[in-house]
Protein backbone atom coordinates (compact mmCIF):
# COMPACT_ATOMS: atom_id res chain seq x y z
CA UNK A 1 -24.44 10.91 0.80
CA UNK A 2 -21.77 10.02 -1.75
CA UNK A 3 -18.29 11.17 -0.75
CA UNK A 4 -15.30 11.69 -2.98
CA UNK A 5 -12.25 10.36 -1.13
CA UNK A 6 -8.51 10.87 -1.53
CA UNK A 7 -6.31 8.00 -0.34
CA UNK A 8 -2.85 8.82 1.02
CA UNK A 9 -0.40 5.93 1.45
CA UNK A 10 3.10 4.57 0.87
CA UNK A 11 2.87 3.16 -2.63
CA UNK A 12 5.86 0.80 -2.79
CA UNK A 13 5.28 -0.84 0.55
CA UNK A 14 1.49 -1.02 0.74
CA UNK A 15 -0.08 -0.89 -2.71
CA UNK A 16 -1.52 -4.44 -2.58
CA UNK A 17 -3.08 -3.77 0.84
CA UNK A 18 -4.39 -0.43 -0.43
CA UNK A 19 -6.03 -2.06 -3.45
CA UNK A 20 -8.02 -4.34 -1.14
CA UNK A 21 -9.22 -1.47 1.05
CA UNK A 22 -9.90 0.86 -1.86
CA UNK A 23 -11.81 -1.77 -3.83
CA UNK A 24 -14.07 -2.51 -0.87
CA UNK A 25 -15.09 1.16 -1.02
CA UNK A 26 -15.37 1.61 -4.78
CA UNK A 27 -17.62 -1.41 -5.41
CA UNK A 28 -20.38 0.09 -3.27
CA UNK A 29 -22.89 2.25 -5.10
CA UNK A 30 -22.39 6.00 -4.79
CA UNK A 31 -18.84 5.91 -3.44
CA UNK A 32 -16.08 7.68 -5.32
CA UNK A 33 -12.31 7.90 -5.11
CA UNK A 34 -9.71 9.75 -7.07
CA UNK A 35 -8.27 7.74 -9.97
CA UNK A 36 -5.75 5.15 -8.86
CA UNK A 37 -2.21 5.99 -9.90
CA UNK A 38 0.02 3.16 -11.02
CA UNK A 39 3.75 3.00 -10.25
CA UNK A 40 4.84 4.08 -13.73
CA UNK A 41 2.68 7.20 -13.55
CA UNK A 42 3.88 8.03 -10.03
CA UNK A 43 7.54 7.60 -11.06
CA UNK A 44 6.91 9.91 -14.03
CA UNK A 45 5.31 12.54 -11.76
CA UNK A 46 8.21 12.28 -9.28
CA UNK A 47 10.75 12.98 -12.04
CA UNK A 48 9.12 16.35 -12.78
CA UNK A 49 10.15 17.78 -9.39
CA UNK A 50 8.60 18.71 -6.07
CA UNK A 51 6.55 21.67 -7.33
CA UNK A 52 4.94 19.48 -9.98
CA UNK A 53 4.19 16.83 -7.34
CA UNK A 54 2.58 19.46 -5.11
CA UNK A 55 0.40 20.67 -8.04
CA UNK A 56 -0.55 17.06 -8.83
CA UNK A 57 -1.53 16.42 -5.20
CA UNK A 58 -3.64 19.60 -5.14
CA UNK A 59 -5.36 18.49 -8.35
CA UNK A 60 -6.10 15.08 -6.82
CA UNK A 61 -7.48 16.69 -3.64
CA UNK A 62 -9.74 19.00 -5.64
CA UNK A 63 -13.39 18.07 -5.16
CA UNK A 64 -12.74 15.56 -2.38
CA UNK A 65 -14.33 15.87 1.04
CA UNK A 66 -12.17 13.39 2.98
CA UNK A 67 -8.55 12.25 2.98
CA UNK A 68 -8.03 8.70 4.21
CA UNK A 69 -4.47 8.02 5.36
CA UNK A 70 -3.84 4.29 4.97
CA UNK A 71 -1.17 3.52 7.56
CA UNK A 72 1.33 0.76 6.97
CA UNK A 73 4.61 0.03 8.70
CA UNK A 74 6.56 2.81 6.92
CA UNK A 75 3.88 5.38 6.07
CA UNK A 76 4.91 7.78 8.84
CA UNK A 77 8.25 8.52 7.16
CA UNK A 78 6.87 9.24 3.67
CA UNK A 79 7.42 12.88 2.67
CA UNK A 80 4.47 13.04 0.29
CA UNK A 81 2.06 11.40 2.72
CA UNK A 82 3.01 14.11 5.20
CA UNK A 83 2.43 16.75 2.54
CA UNK A 84 -0.97 15.28 1.65
CA UNK A 85 -2.02 15.40 5.32
CA UNK A 86 -0.83 19.00 5.64
CA UNK A 87 -2.64 20.11 2.46
CA UNK A 88 -5.81 18.27 3.48
CA UNK A 89 -5.75 20.12 6.80
CA UNK A 90 -5.11 23.46 5.10
CA UNK A 91 -7.99 22.83 2.69
CA UNK A 92 -10.37 21.87 5.51
CA UNK A 93 -10.85 18.27 4.37
CA UNK A 94 -12.08 15.58 6.67
CA UNK A 95 -9.16 13.37 7.66
CA UNK A 96 -9.00 9.89 9.13
CA UNK A 97 -6.33 7.26 9.55
CA UNK A 98 -6.74 3.55 8.91
CA UNK A 99 -4.08 1.06 9.94
CA UNK A 100 -3.66 -1.53 7.19
CA UNK A 101 -0.73 -3.55 8.55
CA UNK A 102 -3.07 -6.46 9.37
CA UNK A 103 -4.48 -6.61 5.82
CA UNK A 104 -2.82 -9.60 4.16
CA UNK A 105 -0.62 -8.71 1.23
CA UNK A 106 -0.87 -11.69 -1.18
CA UNK A 107 2.94 -11.81 -1.44
CA UNK A 108 4.13 -10.52 1.94
CA UNK A 109 1.36 -11.39 4.40
CA UNK A 110 0.73 -8.98 7.27
CA UNK A 111 3.19 -6.36 8.44
CA UNK A 112 4.33 -4.56 11.59
CA UNK A 113 2.20 -1.72 12.87
CA UNK A 114 3.73 1.63 11.96
CA UNK A 115 3.63 4.98 13.70
CA UNK A 116 0.63 7.19 13.08
CA UNK A 117 1.51 9.92 10.53
CA UNK A 118 -1.16 12.12 12.12
CA UNK A 119 1.27 12.43 15.06
CA UNK A 120 3.74 14.25 12.79
CA UNK A 121 1.62 17.41 12.47
CA UNK A 122 0.28 19.45 15.36
CA UNK A 123 -1.56 22.68 16.15
CA UNK A 124 -1.10 25.03 19.08
CA UNK A 125 -3.75 24.87 21.79
CA UNK A 126 -3.36 26.69 25.08
CA UNK A 127 0.32 27.22 24.33
CA UNK A 128 1.17 23.59 23.62
CA UNK A 129 1.46 21.45 20.51
CA UNK A 130 -1.43 19.01 20.11
CA UNK A 131 -0.95 16.33 17.42
CA UNK A 132 -3.51 15.88 14.64
CA UNK A 133 -4.12 12.37 15.99
CA UNK A 134 -5.97 14.01 18.90
CA UNK A 135 -8.45 15.56 16.46
CA UNK A 136 -8.74 12.98 13.69
CA UNK A 137 -9.86 9.43 14.37
CA UNK A 138 -7.76 6.41 13.52
CA UNK A 139 -9.06 2.88 13.03
CA UNK A 140 -7.64 -0.56 12.30
CA UNK A 141 -9.04 -2.03 9.08
CA UNK A 142 -9.06 -5.61 10.40
CA UNK A 143 -9.76 -5.17 14.13
CA UNK A 144 -12.41 -2.45 13.64
CA UNK A 145 -14.11 -4.25 10.71
CA UNK A 146 -13.30 -1.68 8.06
CA UNK A 147 -15.21 -3.57 5.40
CA UNK A 148 -18.47 -2.98 7.27
CA UNK A 149 -17.65 0.39 8.87
CA UNK A 150 -15.56 2.31 6.33
CA UNK A 151 -18.47 4.32 4.92
CA UNK A 152 -19.46 5.42 8.43
CA UNK A 153 -15.88 6.45 9.25
CA UNK A 154 -15.69 8.54 6.08
CA UNK A 155 -19.05 10.17 6.73
CA UNK A 156 -18.08 11.01 10.31
CA UNK A 157 -14.78 12.56 9.14
CA UNK A 158 -16.59 14.64 6.53
CA UNK A 159 -19.18 15.88 9.02
CA UNK A 160 -16.52 16.65 11.64
CA UNK A 161 -14.87 18.98 9.09
CA UNK A 162 -18.17 20.62 8.19
CA UNK A 163 -18.45 19.00 4.75
């Protein structure tokens, strides 16, 4: 089944890694993503204020079944990545994390592994906070052969959320 996917990531730090991952998905028949936003467009959206950014994120999430959080070395600390994870959870989207620090940036090479942003959010279970990372799977693009397995990861995340 074709899935429409939203990618959440740290633009400035990881865009060249993201392009490689995203393109491996888009070139396969039947796979869809939200339109890719370039830096100029993102900077323009940011200047309009936080409410406008939240509306833009909601618009981008509309019609998607899965949010893929592409995790680089600094993704954990990104305010809007955190917001995208929270909104995806609230909207009942499938969520998965993919470490991309081992994907070679043509200019910077590989990077350090960052903290999992799915650890930032949690839900109460039996009186204790359980991080999202306990519920949503996380993979490593290089070590877990994302090129061959990405479609299966997305499908599993969608099914786990009932989509």
